[in-house]
Amino acid sequence: VRVQYIREKLIETAREEKGEDVGREIE
C-alpha cells in the first residue's frame, strides 16, 4: 500500500508537470 501510494503520487506529479502522455508512459 505504501509503495502504491508513492508510485501514484509521483506519476500524478509527472502528469501535471510534463503532460498526460508522459504520465501515461510512466504509469
PDB file of all heavy atoms in Angstrom:
ATOM      1  N   VAL A   1       0.841  -1.200   0.000  1.00  0.00           N
ATOM      2  CA  VAL A   1       0.000   0.000   0.000  1.00  0.00           C
ATOM      3  C   VAL A   1       0.875   1.248   0.000  1.00  0.00           C
ATOM      4  O   VAL A   1       0.597   2.220  -0.717  1.00  0.00           O
ATOM      5  CB  VAL A   1      -0.946  -0.006   1.218  1.00  0.00           C
ATOM      6  CG1 VAL A   1      -1.842   1.228   1.217  1.00  0.00           C
ATOM      7  CG2 VAL A   1      -1.797  -1.267   1.223  1.00  0.00           C
ATOM      8  N   ARG A   2       1.943   1.226   0.785  1.00  0.00           N
ATOM      9  CA  ARG A   2       2.859   2.365   0.807  1.00  0.00           C
ATOM     10  C   ARG A   2       3.513   2.575  -0.553  1.00  0.00           C
ATOM     11  O   ARG A   2       3.591   3.696  -1.054  1.00  0.00           O
ATOM     12  CB  ARG A   2       3.942   2.145   1.872  1.00  0.00           C
ATOM     13  CG  ARG A   2       3.416   1.980   3.282  1.00  0.00           C
ATOM     14  CD  ARG A   2       4.517   1.909   4.303  1.00  0.00           C
ATOM     15  NE  ARG A   2       5.474   0.833   4.061  1.00  0.00           N
ATOM     16  CZ  ARG A   2       6.388   0.431   4.924  1.00  0.00           C
ATOM     17  NH1 ARG A   2       6.476   1.040   6.101  1.00  0.00           N
ATOM     18  NH2 ARG A   2       7.224  -0.545   4.644  1.00  0.00           N
ATOM     19  N   VAL A   3       3.990   1.483  -1.160  1.00  0.00           N
ATOM     20  CA  VAL A   3       4.662   1.582  -2.456  1.00  0.00           C
ATOM     21  C   VAL A   3       3.704   2.100  -3.521  1.00  0.00           C
ATOM     22  O   VAL A   3       4.061   2.950  -4.345  1.00  0.00           O
ATOM     23  CB  VAL A   3       5.236   0.209  -2.870  1.00  0.00           C
ATOM     24  CG1 VAL A   3       5.795   0.260  -4.292  1.00  0.00           C
ATOM     25  CG2 VAL A   3       6.325  -0.231  -1.895  1.00  0.00           C
ATOM     26  N   GLN A   4       2.478   1.607  -3.511  1.00  0.00           N
ATOM     27  CA  GLN A   4       1.488   2.042  -4.496  1.00  0.00           C
ATOM     28  C   GLN A   4       1.189   3.528  -4.353  1.00  0.00           C
ATOM     29  O   GLN A   4       1.051   4.250  -5.353  1.00  0.00           O
ATOM     30  CB  GLN A   4       0.196   1.227  -4.339  1.00  0.00           C
ATOM     31  CG  GLN A   4      -0.883   1.552  -5.353  1.00  0.00           C
ATOM     32  CD  GLN A   4      -0.487   1.215  -6.781  1.00  0.00           C
ATOM     33  OE1 GLN A   4       0.416   0.418  -7.003  1.00  0.00           O
ATOM     34  NE2 GLN A   4      -1.151   1.814  -7.751  1.00  0.00           N
ATOM     35  N   TYR A   5       1.117   4.007  -3.115  1.00  0.00           N
ATOM     36  CA  TYR A   5       0.857   5.430  -2.900  1.00  0.00           C
ATOM     37  C   TYR A   5       2.013   6.276  -3.424  1.00  0.00           C
ATOM     38  O   TYR A   5       1.793   7.302  -4.095  1.00  0.00           O
ATOM     39  CB  TYR A   5       0.618   5.728  -1.424  1.00  0.00           C
ATOM     40  CG  TYR A   5       0.436   7.204  -1.156  1.00  0.00           C
ATOM     41  CD1 TYR A   5      -0.703   7.866  -1.594  1.00  0.00           C
ATOM     42  CD2 TYR A   5       1.422   7.936  -0.501  1.00  0.00           C
ATOM     43  CE1 TYR A   5      -0.874   9.225  -1.375  1.00  0.00           C
ATOM     44  CE2 TYR A   5       1.262   9.299  -0.275  1.00  0.00           C
ATOM     45  CZ  TYR A   5       0.114   9.932  -0.716  1.00  0.00           C
ATOM     46  OH  TYR A   5      -0.042  11.283  -0.503  1.00  0.00           O
ATOM     47  N   ILE A   6       3.235   5.879  -3.125  1.00  0.00           N
ATOM     48  CA  ILE A   6       4.405   6.615  -3.627  1.00  0.00           C
ATOM     49  C   ILE A   6       4.378   6.651  -5.149  1.00  0.00           C
ATOM     50  O   ILE A   6       4.589   7.706  -5.772  1.00  0.00           O
ATOM     51  CB  ILE A   6       5.707   5.965  -3.127  1.00  0.00           C
ATOM     52  CG1 ILE A   6       5.815   6.085  -1.608  1.00  0.00           C
ATOM     53  CG2 ILE A   6       6.927   6.599  -3.797  1.00  0.00           C
ATOM     54  CD1 ILE A   6       6.949   5.274  -0.999  1.00  0.00           C
ATOM     55  N   ARG A   7       4.106   5.510  -5.755  1.00  0.00           N
ATOM     56  CA  ARG A   7       4.056   5.423  -7.218  1.00  0.00           C
ATOM     57  C   ARG A   7       2.991   6.358  -7.788  1.00  0.00           C
ATOM     58  O   ARG A   7       3.247   7.136  -8.704  1.00  0.00           O
ATOM     59  CB  ARG A   7       3.780   3.979  -7.641  1.00  0.00           C
ATOM     60  CG  ARG A   7       3.709   3.746  -9.152  1.00  0.00           C
ATOM     61  CD  ARG A   7       3.465   2.267  -9.431  1.00  0.00           C
ATOM     62  NE  ARG A   7       3.441   2.010 -10.860  1.00  0.00           N
ATOM     63  CZ  ARG A   7       2.365   2.131 -11.626  1.00  0.00           C
ATOM     64  NH1 ARG A   7       1.204   2.527 -11.093  1.00  0.00           N
ATOM     65  NH2 ARG A   7       2.418   1.871 -12.921  1.00  0.00           N
ATOM     66  N   GLU A   8       1.794   6.298  -7.222  1.00  0.00           N
ATOM     67  CA  GLU A   8       0.693   7.116  -7.730  1.00  0.00           C
ATOM     68  C   GLU A   8       0.977   8.605  -7.564  1.00  0.00           C
ATOM     69  O   GLU A   8       0.654   9.413  -8.447  1.00  0.00           O
ATOM     70  CB  GLU A   8      -0.605   6.736  -7.008  1.00  0.00           C
ATOM     71  CG  GLU A   8      -1.141   5.358  -7.397  1.00  0.00           C
ATOM     72  CD  GLU A   8      -2.377   4.976  -6.615  1.00  0.00           C
ATOM     73  OE1 GLU A   8      -2.760   5.743  -5.698  1.00  0.00           O
ATOM     74  OE2 GLU A   8      -2.952   3.906  -6.891  1.00  0.00           O
ATOM     75  N   LYS A   9       1.594   8.985  -6.457  1.00  0.00           N
ATOM     76  CA  LYS A   9       1.869  10.401  -6.213  1.00  0.00           C
ATOM     77  C   LYS A   9       2.916  10.925  -7.186  1.00  0.00           C
ATOM     78  O   LYS A   9       2.802  12.046  -7.706  1.00  0.00           O
ATOM     79  CB  LYS A   9       2.335  10.592  -4.770  1.00  0.00           C
ATOM     80  CG  LYS A   9       2.151  12.014  -4.271  1.00  0.00           C
ATOM     81  CD  LYS A   9       0.661  12.352  -4.185  1.00  0.00           C
ATOM     82  CE  LYS A   9       0.434  13.832  -3.995  1.00  0.00           C
ATOM     83  NZ  LYS A   9      -0.999  14.187  -4.009  1.00  0.00           N
ATOM     84  N   LEU A  10       3.947  10.136  -7.452  1.00  0.00           N
ATOM     85  CA  LEU A  10       4.987  10.568  -8.379  1.00  0.00           C
ATOM     86  C   LEU A  10       4.465  10.629  -9.815  1.00  0.00           C
ATOM     87  O   LEU A  10       4.819  11.536 -10.580  1.00  0.00           O
ATOM     88  CB  LEU A  10       6.197   9.635  -8.284  1.00  0.00           C
ATOM     89  CG  LEU A  10       6.908   9.628  -6.923  1.00  0.00           C
ATOM     90  CD1 LEU A  10       8.105   8.683  -6.959  1.00  0.00           C
ATOM     91  CD2 LEU A  10       7.344  11.022  -6.509  1.00  0.00           C
ATOM     92  N   ILE A  11       3.614   9.691 -10.180  1.00  0.00           N
ATOM     93  CA  ILE A  11       3.009   9.731 -11.511  1.00  0.00           C
ATOM     94  C   ILE A  11       2.077  10.923 -11.643  1.00  0.00           C
ATOM     95  O   ILE A  11       2.052  11.612 -12.673  1.00  0.00           O
ATOM     96  CB  ILE A  11       2.256   8.409 -11.798  1.00  0.00           C
ATOM     97  CG1 ILE A  11       3.259   7.250 -11.960  1.00  0.00           C
ATOM     98  CG2 ILE A  11       1.395   8.541 -13.053  1.00  0.00           C
ATOM     99  CD1 ILE A  11       2.610   5.898 -12.070  1.00  0.00           C
ATOM    100  N   GLU A  12       1.309  11.199 -10.605  1.00  0.00           N
ATOM    101  CA  GLU A  12       0.402  12.357 -10.601  1.00  0.00           C
ATOM    102  C   GLU A  12       1.182  13.654 -10.823  1.00  0.00           C
ATOM    103  O   GLU A  12       0.772  14.519 -11.614  1.00  0.00           O
ATOM    104  CB  GLU A  12      -0.335  12.411  -9.267  1.00  0.00           C
ATOM    105  CG  GLU A  12      -1.227  13.625  -9.080  1.00  0.00           C
ATOM    106  CD  GLU A  12      -1.816  13.674  -7.680  1.00  0.00           C
ATOM    107  OE1 GLU A  12      -2.475  12.691  -7.272  1.00  0.00           O
ATOM    108  OE2 GLU A  12      -1.588  14.687  -6.985  1.00  0.00           O
ATOM    109  N   THR A  13       2.317  13.786 -10.145  1.00  0.00           N
ATOM    110  CA  THR A  13       3.144  14.980 -10.296  1.00  0.00           C
ATOM    111  C   THR A  13       3.707  15.091 -11.708  1.00  0.00           C
ATOM    112  O   THR A  13       3.699  16.167 -12.319  1.00  0.00           O
ATOM    113  CB  THR A  13       4.300  14.958  -9.279  1.00  0.00           C
ATOM    114  OG1 THR A  13       3.764  14.887  -7.960  1.00  0.00           O
ATOM    115  CG2 THR A  13       5.158  16.207  -9.404  1.00  0.00           C
ATOM    116  N   ALA A  14       4.183  13.960 -12.241  1.00  0.00           N
ATOM    117  CA  ALA A  14       4.736  13.961 -13.603  1.00  0.00           C
ATOM    118  C   ALA A  14       3.670  14.325 -14.626  1.00  0.00           C
ATOM    119  O   ALA A  14       3.932  15.080 -15.574  1.00  0.00           O
ATOM    120  CB  ALA A  14       5.324  12.586 -13.918  1.00  0.00           C
ATOM    121  N   ARG A  15       2.464  13.817 -14.432  1.00  0.00           N
ATOM    122  CA  ARG A  15       1.364  14.107 -15.364  1.00  0.00           C
ATOM    123  C   ARG A  15       1.022  15.597 -15.347  1.00  0.00           C
ATOM    124  O   ARG A  15       0.796  16.201 -16.389  1.00  0.00           O
ATOM    125  CB  ARG A  15       0.152  13.261 -14.990  1.00  0.00           C
ATOM    126  CG  ARG A  15      -1.050  13.479 -15.895  1.00  0.00           C
ATOM    127  CD  ARG A  15      -2.203  12.585 -15.513  1.00  0.00           C
ATOM    128  NE  ARG A  15      -1.966  11.194 -15.906  1.00  0.00           N
ATOM    129  CZ  ARG A  15      -1.809  10.188 -15.053  1.00  0.00           C
ATOM    130  NH1 ARG A  15      -1.851  10.417 -13.748  1.00  0.00           N
ATOM    131  NH2 ARG A  15      -1.610   8.964 -15.493  1.00  0.00           N
ATOM    132  N   GLU A  16       1.007  16.195 -14.163  1.00  0.00           N
ATOM    133  CA  GLU A  16       0.640  17.605 -14.055  1.00  0.00           C
ATOM    134  C   GLU A  16       1.725  18.519 -14.618  1.00  0.00           C
ATOM    135  O   GLU A  16       1.421  19.578 -15.157  1.00  0.00           O
ATOM    136  CB  GLU A  16       0.360  17.952 -12.589  1.00  0.00           C
ATOM    137  CG  GLU A  16      -0.923  17.314 -12.062  1.00  0.00           C
ATOM    138  CD  GLU A  16      -1.147  17.601 -10.589  1.00  0.00           C
ATOM    139  OE1 GLU A  16      -0.191  18.074  -9.924  1.00  0.00           O
ATOM    140  OE2 GLU A  16      -2.257  17.368 -10.102  1.00  0.00           O
ATOM    141  N   GLU A  17       2.983  18.111 -14.483  1.00  0.00           N
ATOM    142  CA  GLU A  17       4.077  18.983 -14.898  1.00  0.00           C
ATOM    143  C   GLU A  17       4.573  18.714 -16.318  1.00  0.00           C
ATOM    144  O   GLU A  17       5.052  19.632 -16.986  1.00  0.00           O
ATOM    145  CB  GLU A  17       5.245  18.844 -13.913  1.00  0.00           C
ATOM    146  CG  GLU A  17       4.908  19.332 -12.517  1.00  0.00           C
ATOM    147  CD  GLU A  17       6.106  19.319 -11.597  1.00  0.00           C
ATOM    148  OE1 GLU A  17       7.144  18.714 -11.964  1.00  0.00           O
ATOM    149  OE2 GLU A  17       6.016  19.907 -10.518  1.00  0.00           O
ATOM    150  N   LYS A  18       4.460  17.463 -16.763  1.00  0.00           N
ATOM    151  CA  LYS A  18       5.031  17.098 -18.055  1.00  0.00           C
ATOM    152  C   LYS A  18       3.991  16.675 -19.082  1.00  0.00           C
ATOM    153  O   LYS A  18       4.332  16.386 -20.224  1.00  0.00           O
ATOM    154  CB  LYS A  18       6.060  15.985 -17.871  1.00  0.00           C
ATOM    155  CG  LYS A  18       7.213  16.380 -16.957  1.00  0.00           C
ATOM    156  CD  LYS A  18       8.196  15.236 -16.764  1.00  0.00           C
ATOM    157  CE  LYS A  18       9.331  15.632 -15.830  1.00  0.00           C
ATOM    158  NZ  LYS A  18      10.286  14.515 -15.610  1.00  0.00           N
ATOM    159  N   GLY A  19       2.744  16.596 -18.655  1.00  0.00           N
ATOM    160  CA  GLY A  19       1.685  16.273 -19.587  1.00  0.00           C
ATOM    161  C   GLY A  19       1.137  14.869 -19.440  1.00  0.00           C
ATOM    162  O   GLY A  19       1.770  13.986 -18.852  1.00  0.00           O
ATOM    163  N   GLU A  20      -0.052  14.684 -19.975  1.00  0.00           N
ATOM    164  CA  GLU A  20      -0.765  13.416 -19.857  1.00  0.00           C
ATOM    165  C   GLU A  20       0.000  12.265 -20.506  1.00  0.00           C
ATOM    166  O   GLU A  20       0.025  11.151 -19.983  1.00  0.00           O
ATOM    167  CB  GLU A  20      -2.148  13.544 -20.488  1.00  0.00           C
ATOM    168  CG  GLU A  20      -3.026  12.314 -20.319  1.00  0.00           C
ATOM    169  CD  GLU A  20      -3.393  12.051 -18.866  1.00  0.00           C
ATOM    170  OE1 GLU A  20      -3.537  13.029 -18.111  1.00  0.00           O
ATOM    171  OE2 GLU A  20      -3.531  10.856 -18.509  1.00  0.00           O
ATOM    172  N   ASP A  21       0.627  12.508 -21.655  1.00  0.00           N
ATOM    173  CA  ASP A  21       1.341  11.437 -22.352  1.00  0.00           C
ATOM    174  C   ASP A  21       2.503  10.903 -21.528  1.00  0.00           C
ATOM    175  O   ASP A  21       2.727   9.692 -21.464  1.00  0.00           O
ATOM    176  CB  ASP A  21       1.851  11.931 -23.708  1.00  0.00           C
ATOM    177  CG  ASP A  21       0.723  12.186 -24.698  1.00  0.00           C
ATOM    178  OD1 ASP A  21      -0.386  11.671 -24.456  1.00  0.00           O
ATOM    179  OD2 ASP A  21       0.954  12.890 -25.696  1.00  0.00           O
ATOM    180  N   VAL A  22       3.247  11.802 -20.891  1.00  0.00           N
ATOM    181  CA  VAL A  22       4.371  11.375 -20.054  1.00  0.00           C
ATOM    182  C   VAL A  22       3.873  10.594 -18.851  1.00  0.00           C
ATOM    183  O   VAL A  22       4.419   9.542 -18.501  1.00  0.00           O
ATOM    184  CB  VAL A  22       5.199  12.596 -19.593  1.00  0.00           C
ATOM    185  CG1 VAL A  22       6.263  12.161 -18.582  1.00  0.00           C
ATOM    186  CG2 VAL A  22       5.853  13.271 -20.784  1.00  0.00           C
ATOM    187  N   GLY A  23       2.823  11.093 -18.217  1.00  0.00           N
ATOM    188  CA  GLY A  23       2.253  10.387 -17.080  1.00  0.00           C
ATOM    189  C   GLY A  23       1.776   8.995 -17.441  1.00  0.00           C
ATOM    190  O   GLY A  23       2.000   8.035 -16.701  1.00  0.00           O
ATOM    191  N   ARG A  24       1.136   8.877 -18.594  1.00  0.00           N
ATOM    192  CA  ARG A  24       0.649   7.574 -19.036  1.00  0.00           C
ATOM    193  C   ARG A  24       1.800   6.618 -19.330  1.00  0.00           C
ATOM    194  O   ARG A  24       1.743   5.429 -19.007  1.00  0.00           O
ATOM    195  CB  ARG A  24      -0.233   7.743 -20.271  1.00  0.00           C
ATOM    196  CG  ARG A  24      -0.923   6.439 -20.712  1.00  0.00           C
ATOM    197  CD  ARG A  24      -1.764   6.637 -21.950  1.00  0.00           C
ATOM    198  NE  ARG A  24      -2.786   7.662 -21.766  1.00  0.00           N
ATOM    199  CZ  ARG A  24      -2.760   8.861 -22.350  1.00  0.00           C
ATOM    200  NH1 ARG A  24      -1.762   9.187 -23.166  1.00  0.00           N
ATOM    201  NH2 ARG A  24      -3.725   9.724 -22.141  1.00  0.00           N
ATOM    202  N   GLU A  25       2.873   7.158 -19.934  1.00  0.00           N
ATOM    203  CA  GLU A  25       4.029   6.314 -20.265  1.00  0.00           C
ATOM    204  C   GLU A  25       4.683   5.779 -18.995  1.00  0.00           C
ATOM    205  O   GLU A  25       5.037   4.596 -18.924  1.00  0.00           O
ATOM    206  CB  GLU A  25       5.031   7.140 -21.083  1.00  0.00           C
ATOM    207  CG  GLU A  25       6.204   6.340 -21.647  1.00  0.00           C
ATOM    208  CD  GLU A  25       7.379   6.285 -20.712  1.00  0.00           C
ATOM    209  OE1 GLU A  25       7.569   7.244 -19.931  1.00  0.00           O
ATOM    210  OE2 GLU A  25       8.113   5.278 -20.729  1.00  0.00           O
ATOM    211  N   ILE A  26       4.827   6.619 -17.976  1.00  0.00           N
ATOM    212  CA  ILE A  26       5.411   6.169 -16.711  1.00  0.00           C
ATOM    213  C   ILE A  26       4.510   5.153 -16.035  1.00  0.00           C
ATOM    214  O   ILE A  26       4.963   4.146 -15.482  1.00  0.00           O
ATOM    215  CB  ILE A  26       5.654   7.377 -15.780  1.00  0.00           C
ATOM    216  CG1 ILE A  26       6.673   8.333 -16.400  1.00  0.00           C
ATOM    217  CG2 ILE A  26       6.133   6.914 -14.408  1.00  0.00           C
ATOM    218  CD1 ILE A  26       6.851   9.617 -15.625  1.00  0.00           C
ATOM    219  N   GLU A  27       3.216   5.399 -16.096  1.00  0.00           N
ATOM    220  CA  GLU A  27       2.244   4.511 -15.456  1.00  0.00           C
ATOM    221  C   GLU A  27       2.290   3.110 -16.041  1.00  0.00           C
ATOM    222  O   GLU A  27       2.061   2.115 -15.333  1.00  0.00           O
ATOM    223  CB  GLU A  27       0.845   5.105 -15.608  1.00  0.00           C
ATOM    224  CG  GLU A  27      -0.212   4.441 -14.758  1.00  0.00           C
ATOM    225  CD  GLU A  27      -1.504   5.216 -14.779  1.00  0.00           C
ATOM    226  OE1 GLU A  27      -1.732   5.989 -15.735  1.00  0.00           O
ATOM    227  OE2 GLU A  27      -2.297   5.055 -13.845  1.00  0.00           O
TER     228      GLU A  27
END
